[in-house]
Amino acid sequence: MKKQNGFLLIEQLFALVLIILCASMFVGLFVISERSLNDVKVDNQLLAVMLQQLGEATESKGVMQIDKQDYRWQINKIGAQWQIEVENGTVRWTGTEQKVEKEWLHTR
C-alpha cells in the first residue's frame, strides 16, 4: 500500500507542476498579447521556488516578475486538493488539478 500511496503522491505533484506550467503559460500569453515576445522575461529562480514548495507539499506564496511586472502567486490546500493562484492586479488565474480559470479584476 505504501508504494501505491507514494505513486499517488508523485501523480499529484506531477499534476500540480502541470498546473503551474499552465498558469505560467496563461500569464505568458497575456504578456505576449500586450508586448513583443522578445520583451518577455521570466524570473526562473522564483518559478523554481514555487516548484520546490510543491515538492515539500507546503502552502506558500511569493512574487515572480515577468517583463518587469510583478505577479503574485499562492499555493493553498483546499480540502484534499491543491490550488494555485497567480495574480497581476488586473487578472487572476486560479488552477486546480481539474481546471484553470481566468478572472478579470478590473475593467480595461
PDB file of N, CA and C in Angstrom:
ATOM      1  N   MET A   1       0.816  -1.195   0.000  1.00  0.00           N
ATOM      2  CA  MET A   1       0.000   0.000   0.000  1.00  0.00           C
ATOM      3  C   MET A   1       0.861   1.261   0.000  1.00  0.00           C
ATOM      4  N   LYS A   2       2.031   1.214   0.614  1.00  0.00           N
ATOM      5  CA  LYS A   2       2.894   2.385   0.650  1.00  0.00           C
ATOM      6  C   LYS A   2       3.349   2.777  -0.748  1.00  0.00           C
ATOM      7  N   LYS A   3       3.653   1.784  -1.586  1.00  0.00           N
ATOM      8  CA  LYS A   3       4.084   2.104  -2.943  1.00  0.00           C
ATOM      9  C   LYS A   3       2.960   2.793  -3.704  1.00  0.00           C
ATOM     10  N   GLN A   4       1.731   2.350  -3.512  1.00  0.00           N
ATOM     11  CA  GLN A   4       0.605   2.985  -4.192  1.00  0.00           C
ATOM     12  C   GLN A   4       0.433   4.418  -3.703  1.00  0.00           C
ATOM     13  N   ASN A   5       0.542   4.643  -2.407  1.00  0.00           N
ATOM     14  CA  ASN A   5       0.427   5.998  -1.870  1.00  0.00           C
ATOM     15  C   ASN A   5       1.544   6.888  -2.387  1.00  0.00           C
ATOM     16  N   GLY A   6       2.760   6.352  -2.438  1.00  0.00           N
ATOM     17  CA  GLY A   6       3.888   7.109  -2.977  1.00  0.00           C
ATOM     18  C   GLY A   6       3.681   7.442  -4.438  1.00  0.00           C
ATOM     19  N   PHE A   7       3.167   6.479  -5.198  1.00  0.00           N
ATOM     20  CA  PHE A   7       2.898   6.714  -6.613  1.00  0.00           C
ATOM     21  C   PHE A   7       1.807   7.758  -6.780  1.00  0.00           C
ATOM     22  N   LEU A   8       0.789   7.701  -5.923  1.00  0.00           N
ATOM     23  CA  LEU A   8      -0.294   8.678  -5.975  1.00  0.00           C
ATOM     24  C   LEU A   8       0.240  10.075  -5.672  1.00  0.00           C
ATOM     25  N   LEU A   9       1.132  10.196  -4.701  1.00  0.00           N
ATOM     26  CA  LEU A   9       1.733  11.482  -4.368  1.00  0.00           C
ATOM     27  C   LEU A   9       2.522  12.026  -5.551  1.00  0.00           C
ATOM     28  N   ILE A  10       3.271  11.165  -6.218  1.00  0.00           N
ATOM     29  CA  ILE A  10       4.033  11.584  -7.397  1.00  0.00           C
ATOM     30  C   ILE A  10       3.089  12.057  -8.489  1.00  0.00           C
ATOM     31  N   GLU A  11       1.987  11.334  -8.692  1.00  0.00           N
ATOM     32  CA  GLU A  11       0.999  11.751  -9.693  1.00  0.00           C
ATOM     33  C   GLU A  11       0.416  13.110  -9.341  1.00  0.00           C
ATOM     34  N   GLN A  12       0.115  13.327  -8.076  1.00  0.00           N
ATOM     35  CA  GLN A  12      -0.453  14.605  -7.653  1.00  0.00           C
ATOM     36  C   GLN A  12       0.552  15.736  -7.834  1.00  0.00           C
ATOM     37  N   LEU A  13       1.804  15.499  -7.474  1.00  0.00           N
ATOM     38  CA  LEU A  13       2.828  16.523  -7.661  1.00  0.00           C
ATOM     39  C   LEU A  13       3.030  16.829  -9.138  1.00  0.00           C
ATOM     40  N   PHE A  14       2.994  15.791  -9.971  1.00  0.00           N
ATOM     41  CA  PHE A  14       3.118  15.995 -11.411  1.00  0.00           C
ATOM     42  C   PHE A  14       1.962  16.842 -11.927  1.00  0.00           C
ATOM     43  N   ALA A  15       0.754  16.556 -11.442  1.00  0.00           N
ATOM     44  CA  ALA A  15      -0.418  17.344 -11.850  1.00  0.00           C
ATOM     45  C   ALA A  15      -0.262  18.795 -11.419  1.00  0.00           C
ATOM     46  N   LEU A  16       0.282  19.031 -10.233  1.00  0.00           N
ATOM     47  CA  LEU A  16       0.485  20.397  -9.765  1.00  0.00           C
ATOM     48  C   LEU A  16       1.536  21.126 -10.592  1.00  0.00           C
ATOM     49  N   VAL A  17       2.591  20.414 -10.973  1.00  0.00           N
ATOM     50  CA  VAL A  17       3.597  21.018 -11.851  1.00  0.00           C
ATOM     51  C   VAL A  17       2.955  21.410 -13.175  1.00  0.00           C
ATOM     52  N   LEU A  18       2.085  20.562 -13.700  1.00  0.00           N
ATOM     53  CA  LEU A  18       1.376  20.900 -14.937  1.00  0.00           C
ATOM     54  C   LEU A  18       0.504  22.134 -14.750  1.00  0.00           C
ATOM     55  N   ILE A  19      -0.129  22.247 -13.594  1.00  0.00           N
ATOM     56  CA  ILE A  19      -0.957  23.425 -13.311  1.00  0.00           C
ATOM     57  C   ILE A  19      -0.093  24.681 -13.306  1.00  0.00           C
ATOM     58  N   ILE A  20       1.063  24.598 -12.661  1.00  0.00           N
ATOM     59  CA  ILE A  20       1.965  25.755 -12.641  1.00  0.00           C
ATOM     60  C   ILE A  20       2.374  26.122 -14.060  1.00  0.00           C
ATOM     61  N   LEU A  21       2.715  25.112 -14.849  1.00  0.00           N
ATOM     62  CA  LEU A  21       3.114  25.390 -16.227  1.00  0.00           C
ATOM     63  C   LEU A  21       1.966  26.002 -17.010  1.00  0.00           C
ATOM     64  N   CYS A  22       0.746  25.499 -16.801  1.00  0.00           N
ATOM     65  CA  CYS A  22      -0.424  26.074 -17.480  1.00  0.00           C
ATOM     66  C   CYS A  22      -0.648  27.509 -17.031  1.00  0.00           C
ATOM     67  N   ALA A  23      -0.540  27.737 -15.722  1.00  0.00           N
ATOM     68  CA  ALA A  23      -0.739  29.098 -15.212  1.00  0.00           C
ATOM     69  C   ALA A  23       0.314  30.040 -15.772  1.00  0.00           C
ATOM     70  N   SER A  24       1.584  29.586 -15.808  1.00  0.00           N
ATOM     71  CA  SER A  24       2.629  30.447 -16.359  1.00  0.00           C
ATOM     72  C   SER A  24       2.428  30.648 -17.851  1.00  0.00           C
ATOM     73  N   MET A  25       1.859  29.634 -18.538  1.00  0.00           N
ATOM     74  CA  MET A  25       1.564  29.787 -19.958  1.00  0.00           C
ATOM     75  C   MET A  25       0.499  30.862 -20.151  1.00  0.00           C
ATOM     76  N   PHE A  26      -0.554  30.840 -19.319  1.00  0.00           N
ATOM     77  CA  PHE A  26      -1.592  31.867 -19.427  1.00  0.00           C
ATOM     78  C   PHE A  26      -1.020  33.244 -19.129  1.00  0.00           C
ATOM     79  N   VAL A  27      -0.164  33.330 -18.114  1.00  0.00           N
ATOM     80  CA  VAL A  27       0.482  34.604 -17.808  1.00  0.00           C
ATOM     81  C   VAL A  27       1.314  35.042 -18.999  1.00  0.00           C
ATOM     82  N   GLY A  28       2.064  34.106 -19.562  1.00  0.00           N
ATOM     83  CA  GLY A  28       2.886  34.409 -20.734  1.00  0.00           C
ATOM     84  C   GLY A  28       2.057  34.857 -21.919  1.00  0.00           C
ATOM     85  N   LEU A  29       0.918  34.202 -22.165  1.00  0.00           N
ATOM     86  CA  LEU A  29       0.055  34.601 -23.277  1.00  0.00           C
ATOM     87  C   LEU A  29      -0.490  36.004 -23.076  1.00  0.00           C
ATOM     88  N   PHE A  30      -0.846  36.332 -21.846  1.00  0.00           N
ATOM     89  CA  PHE A  30      -1.345  37.671 -21.561  1.00  0.00           C
ATOM     90  C   PHE A  30      -0.261  38.704 -21.840  1.00  0.00           C
ATOM     91  N   VAL A  31       0.957  38.431 -21.370  1.00  0.00           N
ATOM     92  CA  VAL A  31       2.054  39.376 -21.560  1.00  0.00           C
ATOM     93  C   VAL A  31       2.419  39.472 -23.031  1.00  0.00           C
ATOM     94  N   ILE A  32       2.447  38.326 -23.724  1.00  0.00           N
ATOM     95  CA  ILE A  32       2.789  38.333 -25.143  1.00  0.00           C
ATOM     96  C   ILE A  32       1.766  39.138 -25.932  1.00  0.00           C
ATOM     97  N   SER A  33       0.495  39.039 -25.561  1.00  0.00           N
ATOM     98  CA  SER A  33      -0.519  39.785 -26.289  1.00  0.00           C
ATOM     99  C   SER A  33      -0.349  41.287 -26.091  1.00  0.00           C
ATOM    100  N   GLU A  34       0.284  41.703 -25.012  1.00  0.00           N
ATOM    101  CA  GLU A  34       0.469  43.122 -24.733  1.00  0.00           C
ATOM    102  C   GLU A  34       1.836  43.625 -25.211  1.00  0.00           C
ATOM    103  N   ARG A  35       2.801  42.770 -25.331  1.00  0.00           N
ATOM    104  CA  ARG A  35       4.166  43.177 -25.687  1.00  0.00           C
ATOM    105  C   ARG A  35       4.764  42.167 -26.660  1.00  0.00           C
ATOM    106  N   SER A  36       5.912  42.520 -27.211  1.00  0.00           N
ATOM    107  CA  SER A  36       6.552  41.598 -28.149  1.00  0.00           C
ATOM    108  C   SER A  36       7.179  40.429 -27.395  1.00  0.00           C
ATOM    109  N   LEU A  37       7.337  39.322 -28.091  1.00  0.00           N
ATOM    110  CA  LEU A  37       7.876  38.097 -27.489  1.00  0.00           C
ATOM    111  C   LEU A  37       9.267  38.322 -26.919  1.00  0.00           C
ATOM    112  N   ASN A  38      10.082  39.148 -27.563  1.00  0.00           N
ATOM    113  CA  ASN A  38      11.450  39.372 -27.097  1.00  0.00           C
ATOM    114  C   ASN A  38      11.509  40.093 -25.756  1.00  0.00           C
ATOM    115  N   ASP A  39      10.453  40.798 -25.390  1.00  0.00           N
ATOM    116  CA  ASP A  39      10.443  41.547 -24.136  1.00  0.00           C
ATOM    117  C   ASP A  39      10.027  40.703 -22.938  1.00  0.00           C
ATOM    118  N   VAL A  40       9.525  39.495 -23.173  1.00  0.00           N
ATOM    119  CA  VAL A  40       9.030  38.655 -22.079  1.00  0.00           C
ATOM    120  C   VAL A  40      10.215  37.991 -21.378  1.00  0.00           C
ATOM    121  N   LYS A  41      10.320  38.231 -20.062  1.00  0.00           N
ATOM    122  CA  LYS A  41      11.404  37.640 -19.277  1.00  0.00           C
ATOM    123  C   LYS A  41      10.814  37.033 -18.016  1.00  0.00           C
ATOM    124  N   VAL A  42      11.084  35.782 -17.788  1.00  0.00           N
ATOM    125  CA  VAL A  42      10.547  35.088 -16.620  1.00  0.00           C
ATOM    126  C   VAL A  42      11.668  34.909 -15.606  1.00  0.00           C
ATOM    127  N   ASP A  43      11.390  35.218 -14.370  1.00  0.00           N
ATOM    128  CA  ASP A  43      12.359  35.004 -13.309  1.00  0.00           C
ATOM    129  C   ASP A  43      12.323  33.530 -12.922  1.00  0.00           C
ATOM    130  N   ASN A  44      13.238  32.742 -13.501  1.00  0.00           N
ATOM    131  CA  ASN A  44      13.247  31.292 -13.296  1.00  0.00           C
ATOM    132  C   ASN A  44      13.528  30.906 -11.847  1.00  0.00           C
ATOM    133  N   GLN A  45      14.230  31.750 -11.135  1.00  0.00           N
ATOM    134  CA  GLN A  45      14.539  31.423  -9.746  1.00  0.00           C
ATOM    135  C   GLN A  45      13.262  31.361  -8.909  1.00  0.00           C
ATOM    136  N   LEU A  46      12.365  32.333  -9.087  1.00  0.00           N
ATOM    137  CA  LEU A  46      11.122  32.312  -8.323  1.00  0.00           C
ATOM    138  C   LEU A  46      10.221  31.173  -8.761  1.00  0.00           C
ATOM    139  N   LEU A  47      10.227  30.859 -10.059  1.00  0.00           N
ATOM    140  CA  LEU A  47       9.455  29.718 -10.536  1.00  0.00           C
ATOM    141  C   LEU A  47       9.986  28.430  -9.911  1.00  0.00           C
ATOM    142  N   ALA A  48      11.308  28.332  -9.782  1.00  0.00           N
ATOM    143  CA  ALA A  48      11.910  27.158  -9.146  1.00  0.00           C
ATOM    144  C   ALA A  48      11.512  27.071  -7.677  1.00  0.00           C
ATOM    145  N   VAL A  49      11.384  28.217  -7.010  1.00  0.00           N
ATOM    146  CA  VAL A  49      10.938  28.220  -5.614  1.00  0.00           C
ATOM    147  C   VAL A  49       9.526  27.655  -5.522  1.00  0.00           C
ATOM    148  N   MET A  50       8.656  28.035  -6.475  1.00  0.00           N
ATOM    149  CA  MET A  50       7.297  27.502  -6.484  1.00  0.00           C
ATOM    150  C   MET A  50       7.315  25.988  -6.614  1.00  0.00           C
ATOM    151  N   LEU A  51       8.126  25.484  -7.538  1.00  0.00           N
ATOM    152  CA  LEU A  51       8.204  24.033  -7.737  1.00  0.00           C
ATOM    153  C   LEU A  51       8.768  23.345  -6.499  1.00  0.00           C
ATOM    154  N   GLN A  52       9.739  23.978  -5.849  1.00  0.00           N
ATOM    155  CA  GLN A  52      10.302  23.403  -4.631  1.00  0.00           C
ATOM    156  C   GLN A  52       9.243  23.337  -3.535  1.00  0.00           C
ATOM    157  N   GLN A  53       8.439  24.383  -3.400  1.00  0.00           N
ATOM    158  CA  GLN A  53       7.390  24.379  -2.385  1.00  0.00           C
ATOM    159  C   GLN A  53       6.392  23.260  -2.643  1.00  0.00           C
ATOM    160  N   LEU A  54       6.076  23.018  -3.912  1.00  0.00           N
ATOM    161  CA  LEU A  54       5.171  21.918  -4.227  1.00  0.00           C
ATOM    162  C   LEU A  54       5.790  20.588  -3.837  1.00  0.00           C
ATOM    163  N   GLY A  55       7.088  20.448  -4.082  1.00  0.00           N
ATOM    164  CA  GLY A  55       7.777  19.219  -3.723  1.00  0.00           C
ATOM    165  C   GLY A  55       7.751  18.969  -2.223  1.00  0.00           C
ATOM    166  N   GLU A  56       7.750  20.053  -1.452  1.00  0.00           N
ATOM    167  CA  GLU A  56       7.690  19.926   0.003  1.00  0.00           C
ATOM    168  C   GLU A  56       6.256  19.862   0.507  1.00  0.00           C
ATOM    169  N   ALA A  57       5.293  19.990  -0.409  1.00  0.00           N
ATOM    170  CA  ALA A  57       3.863  19.924  -0.078  1.00  0.00           C
ATOM    171  C   ALA A  57       3.508  20.894   1.043  1.00  0.00           C
ATOM    172  N   THR A  58       3.933  22.160   0.876  1.00  0.00           N
ATOM    173  CA  THR A  58       3.612  23.187   1.861  1.00  0.00           C
ATOM    174  C   THR A  58       2.859  24.324   1.191  1.00  0.00           C
ATOM    175  N   GLU A  59       1.962  24.930   1.946  1.00  0.00           N
ATOM    176  CA  GLU A  59       1.295  26.122   1.447  1.00  0.00           C
ATOM    177  C   GLU A  59       2.303  27.264   1.473  1.00  0.00           C
ATOM    178  N   SER A  60       2.322  28.067   0.439  1.00  0.00           N
ATOM    179  CA  SER A  60       3.285  29.154   0.377  1.00  0.00           C
ATOM    180  C   SER A  60       2.800  30.216  -0.593  1.00  0.00           C
ATOM    181  N   LYS A  61       3.521  31.342  -0.610  1.00  0.00           N
ATOM    182  CA  LYS A  61       3.197  32.411  -1.538  1.00  0.00           C
ATOM    183  C   LYS A  61       4.455  33.202  -1.839  1.00  0.00           C
ATOM    184  N   GLY A  62       4.397  33.980  -2.899  1.00  0.00           N
ATOM    185  CA  GLY A  62       5.547  34.776  -3.281  1.00  0.00           C
ATOM    186  C   GLY A  62       5.217  35.661  -4.466  1.00  0.00           C
ATOM    187  N   VAL A  63       6.258  36.219  -5.056  1.00  0.00           N
ATOM    188  CA  VAL A  63       6.103  37.109  -6.205  1.00  0.00           C
ATOM    189  C   VAL A  63       7.118  36.697  -7.255  1.00  0.00           C
ATOM    190  N   MET A  64       6.670  36.608  -8.498  1.00  0.00           N
ATOM    191  CA  MET A  64       7.597  36.410  -9.606  1.00  0.00           C
ATOM    192  C   MET A  64       7.431  37.595 -10.539  1.00  0.00           C
ATOM    193  N   GLN A  65       8.474  37.905 -11.290  1.00  0.00           N
ATOM    194  CA  GLN A  65       8.429  39.061 -12.164  1.00  0.00           C
ATOM    195  C   GLN A  65       8.530  38.620 -13.609  1.00  0.00           C
ATOM    196  N   ILE A  66       7.592  39.092 -14.421  1.00  0.00           N
ATOM    197  CA  ILE A  66       7.604  38.829 -15.853  1.00  0.00           C
ATOM    198  C   ILE A  66       7.565  40.177 -16.540  1.00  0.00           C
ATOM    199  N   ASP A  67       8.568  40.452 -17.347  1.00  0.00           N
ATOM    200  CA  ASP A  67       8.650  41.699 -18.101  1.00  0.00           C
ATOM    201  C   ASP A  67       8.458  42.909 -17.185  1.00  0.00           C
ATOM    202  N   LYS A  68       9.169  42.906 -16.078  1.00  0.00           N
ATOM    203  CA  LYS A  68       9.185  43.993 -15.098  1.00  0.00           C
ATOM    204  C   LYS A  68       7.833  44.245 -14.431  1.00  0.00           C
ATOM    205  N   GLN A  69       6.940  43.286 -14.503  1.00  0.00           N
ATOM    206  CA  GLN A  69       5.657  43.391 -13.808  1.00  0.00           C
ATOM    207  C   GLN A  69       5.573  42.263 -12.790  1.00  0.00           C
ATOM    208  N   ASP A  70       5.144  42.601 -11.577  1.00  0.00           N
ATOM    209  CA  ASP A  70       5.039  41.607 -10.512  1.00  0.00           C
ATOM    210  C   ASP A  70       3.781  40.768 -10.662  1.00  0.00           C
ATOM    211  N   TYR A  71       3.947  39.461 -10.482  1.00  0.00           N
ATOM    212  CA  TYR A  71       2.838  38.509 -10.464  1.00  0.00           C
ATOM    213  C   TYR A  71       2.896  37.784  -9.132  1.00  0.00           C
ATOM    214  N   ARG A  72       1.891  38.006  -8.297  1.00  0.00           N
ATOM    215  CA  ARG A  72       1.824  37.325  -7.008  1.00  0.00           C
ATOM    216  C   ARG A  72       1.285  35.915  -7.220  1.00  0.00           C
ATOM    217  N   TRP A  73       1.902  34.953  -6.540  1.00  0.00           N
ATOM    218  CA  TRP A  73       1.427  33.574  -6.632  1.00  0.00           C
ATOM    219  C   TRP A  73       1.220  33.043  -5.223  1.00  0.00           C
ATOM    220  N   GLN A  74       0.324  32.086  -5.141  1.00  0.00           N
ATOM    221  CA  GLN A  74      -0.012  31.496  -3.849  1.00  0.00           C
ATOM    222  C   GLN A  74      -0.428  30.050  -4.065  1.00  0.00           C
ATOM    223  N   ILE A  75       0.071  29.171  -3.212  1.00  0.00           N
ATOM    224  CA  ILE A  75      -0.288  27.758  -3.253  1.00  0.00           C
ATOM    225  C   ILE A  75      -1.052  27.440  -1.970  1.00  0.00           C
ATOM    226  N   ASN A  76      -2.288  26.966  -2.115  1.00  0.00           N
ATOM    227  CA  ASN A  76      -3.145  26.642  -0.966  1.00  0.00           C
ATOM    228  C   ASN A  76      -3.628  25.207  -1.068  1.00  0.00           C
ATOM    229  N   LYS A  77      -3.894  24.615   0.069  1.00  0.00           N
ATOM    230  CA  LYS A  77      -4.540  23.305   0.084  1.00  0.00           C
ATOM    231  C   LYS A  77      -5.977  23.511   0.527  1.00  0.00           C
ATOM    232  N   ILE A  78      -6.911  23.179  -0.351  1.00  0.00           N
ATOM    233  CA  ILE A  78      -8.331  23.322  -0.063  1.00  0.00           C
ATOM    234  C   ILE A  78      -8.926  21.925  -0.055  1.00  0.00           C
ATOM    235  N   GLY A  79      -9.297  21.469   1.130  1.00  0.00           N
ATOM    236  CA  GLY A  79      -9.782  20.103   1.251  1.00  0.00           C
ATOM    237  C   GLY A  79      -8.659  19.136   0.928  1.00  0.00           C
ATOM    238  N   ALA A  80      -8.893  18.273  -0.047  1.00  0.00           N
ATOM    239  CA  ALA A  80      -7.897  17.272  -0.423  1.00  0.00           C
ATOM    240  C   ALA A  80      -7.065  17.696  -1.627  1.00  0.00           C
ATOM    241  N   GLN A  81      -7.379  18.846  -2.229  1.00  0.00           N
ATOM    242  CA  GLN A  81      -6.639  19.223  -3.438  1.00  0.00           C
ATOM    243  C   GLN A  81      -5.880  20.535  -3.255  1.00  0.00           C
ATOM    244  N   TRP A  82      -4.865  20.718  -4.091  1.00  0.00           N
ATOM    245  CA  TRP A  82      -4.057  21.921  -4.079  1.00  0.00           C
ATOM    246  C   TRP A  82      -4.628  22.918  -5.074  1.00  0.00           C
ATOM    247  N   GLN A  83      -4.492  24.189  -4.742  1.00  0.00           N
ATOM    248  CA  GLN A  83      -4.942  25.259  -5.626  1.00  0.00           C
ATOM    249  C   GLN A  83      -3.804  26.263  -5.776  1.00  0.00           C
ATOM    250  N   ILE A  84      -3.598  26.736  -7.003  1.00  0.00           N
ATOM    251  CA  ILE A  84      -2.572  27.728  -7.276  1.00  0.00           C
ATOM    252  C   ILE A  84      -3.250  28.971  -7.827  1.00  0.00           C
ATOM    253  N   GLU A  85      -2.892  30.134  -7.283  1.00  0.00           N
ATOM    254  CA  GLU A  85      -3.398  31.409  -7.789  1.00  0.00           C
ATOM    255  C   GLU A  85      -2.221  32.248  -8.262  1.00  0.00           C
ATOM    256  N   VAL A  86      -2.383  32.870  -9.423  1.00  0.00           N
ATOM    257  CA  VAL A  86      -1.404  33.814  -9.947  1.00  0.00           C
ATOM    258  C   VAL A  86      -2.181  35.081 -10.274  1.00  0.00           C
ATOM    259  N   GLU A  87      -1.689  36.240  -9.804  1.00  0.00           N
ATOM    260  CA  GLU A  87      -2.424  37.493  -9.979  1.00  0.00           C
ATOM    261  C   GLU A  87      -1.452  38.628 -10.276  1.00  0.00           C
ATOM    262  N   ASN A  88      -1.843  39.513 -11.189  1.00  0.00           N
ATOM    263  CA  ASN A  88      -1.003  40.667 -11.502  1.00  0.00           C
ATOM    264  C   ASN A  88      -1.688  41.995 -11.210  1.00  0.00           C
ATOM    265  N   GLY A  89      -2.803  41.979 -10.497  1.00  0.00           N
ATOM    266  CA  GLY A  89      -3.534  43.194 -10.194  1.00  0.00           C
ATOM    267  C   GLY A  89      -4.670  43.455 -11.165  1.00  0.00           C
ATOM    268  N   THR A  90      -4.568  42.918 -12.359  1.00  0.00           N
ATOM    269  CA  THR A  90      -5.611  43.069 -13.372  1.00  0.00           C
ATOM    270  C   THR A  90      -6.337  41.754 -13.611  1.00  0.00           C
ATOM    271  N   VAL A  91      -5.572  40.663 -13.623  1.00  0.00           N
ATOM    272  CA  VAL A  91      -6.122  39.340 -13.916  1.00  0.00           C
ATOM    273  C   VAL A  91      -5.681  38.366 -12.832  1.00  0.00           C
ATOM    274  N   ARG A  92      -6.574  37.437 -12.480  1.00  0.00           N
ATOM    275  CA  ARG A  92      -6.229  36.370 -11.541  1.00  0.00           C
ATOM    276  C   ARG A  92      -6.485  35.032 -12.233  1.00  0.00           C
ATOM    277  N   TRP A  93      -5.457  34.176 -12.240  1.00  0.00           N
ATOM    278  CA  TRP A  93      -5.596  32.816 -12.754  1.00  0.00           C
ATOM    279  C   TRP A  93      -5.641  31.892 -11.550  1.00  0.00           C
ATOM    280  N   THR A  94      -6.612  31.000 -11.519  1.00  0.00           N
ATOM    281  CA  THR A  94      -6.749  30.034 -10.441  1.00  0.00           C
ATOM    282  C   THR A  94      -6.711  28.645 -11.056  1.00  0.00           C
ATOM    283  N   GLY A  95      -5.814  27.800 -10.568  1.00  0.00           N
ATOM    284  CA  GLY A  95      -5.675  26.463 -11.121  1.00  0.00           C
ATOM    285  C   GLY A  95      -5.794  25.390 -10.063  1.00  0.00           C
ATOM    286  N   THR A  96      -6.516  24.336 -10.401  1.00  0.00           N
ATOM    287  CA  THR A  96      -6.576  23.132  -9.580  1.00  0.00           C
ATOM    288  C   THR A  96      -6.182  21.974 -10.487  1.00  0.00           C
ATOM    289  N   GLU A  97      -6.274  20.764  -9.978  1.00  0.00           N
ATOM    290  CA  GLU A  97      -5.936  19.608 -10.804  1.00  0.00           C
ATOM    291  C   GLU A  97      -6.924  19.428 -11.943  1.00  0.00           C
ATOM    292  N   GLN A  98      -8.130  19.976 -11.797  1.00  0.00           N
ATOM    293  CA  GLN A  98      -9.161  19.782 -12.813  1.00  0.00           C
ATOM    294  C   GLN A  98      -9.224  20.904 -13.844  1.00  0.00           C
ATOM    295  N   LYS A  99      -8.956  22.157 -13.439  1.00  0.00           N
ATOM    296  CA  LYS A  99      -9.156  23.258 -14.384  1.00  0.00           C
ATOM    297  C   LYS A  99      -8.346  24.490 -13.995  1.00  0.00           C
ATOM    298  N   VAL A 100      -8.225  25.397 -14.968  1.00  0.00           N
ATOM    299  CA  VAL A 100      -7.606  26.699 -14.751  1.00  0.00           C
ATOM    300  C   VAL A 100      -8.630  27.750 -15.162  1.00  0.00           C
ATOM    301  N   GLU A 101      -8.874  28.733 -14.285  1.00  0.00           N
ATOM    302  CA  GLU A 101      -9.844  29.787 -14.572  1.00  0.00           C
ATOM    303  C   GLU A 101      -9.143  31.135 -14.619  1.00  0.00           C
ATOM    304  N   LYS A 102      -9.666  32.034 -15.453  1.00  0.00           N
ATOM    305  CA  LYS A 102      -9.134  33.384 -15.582  1.00  0.00           C
ATOM    306  C   LYS A 102     -10.233  34.364 -15.177  1.00  0.00           C
ATOM    307  N   GLU A 103      -9.883  35.324 -14.314  1.00  0.00           N
ATOM    308  CA  GLU A 103     -10.862  36.292 -13.821  1.00  0.00           C
ATOM    309  C   GLU A 103     -10.276  37.697 -13.951  1.00  0.00           C
ATOM    310  N   TRP A 104     -11.017  38.595 -14.609  1.00  0.00           N
ATOM    311  CA  TRP A 104     -10.604  39.994 -14.717  1.00  0.00           C
ATOM    312  C   TRP A 104     -10.963  40.694 -13.418  1.00  0.00           C
ATOM    313  N   LEU A 105      -9.986  41.358 -12.789  1.00  0.00           N
ATOM    314  CA  LEU A 105     -10.217  42.032 -11.522  1.00  0.00           C
ATOM    315  C   LEU A 105     -10.689  43.469 -11.717  1.00  0.00           C
ATOM    316  N   HIS A 106     -10.282  44.101 -12.812  1.00  0.00           N
ATOM    317  CA  HIS A 106     -10.660  45.479 -13.117  1.00  0.00           C
ATOM    318  C   HIS A 106     -11.050  45.565 -14.579  1.00  0.00           C
ATOM    319  N   THR A 107     -11.903  46.507 -14.913  1.00  0.00           N
ATOM    320  CA  THR A 107     -12.238  46.701 -16.325  1.00  0.00           C
ATOM    321  C   THR A 107     -11.091  47.415 -17.003  1.00  0.00           C
ATOM    322  N   ARG A 108     -10.920  47.118 -18.255  1.00  0.00           N
ATOM    323  CA  ARG A 108      -9.808  47.703 -19.005  1.00  0.00           C
ATOM    324  C   ARG A 108     -10.211  49.011 -19.594  1.00  0.00           C
TER     325      ARG A 108
END
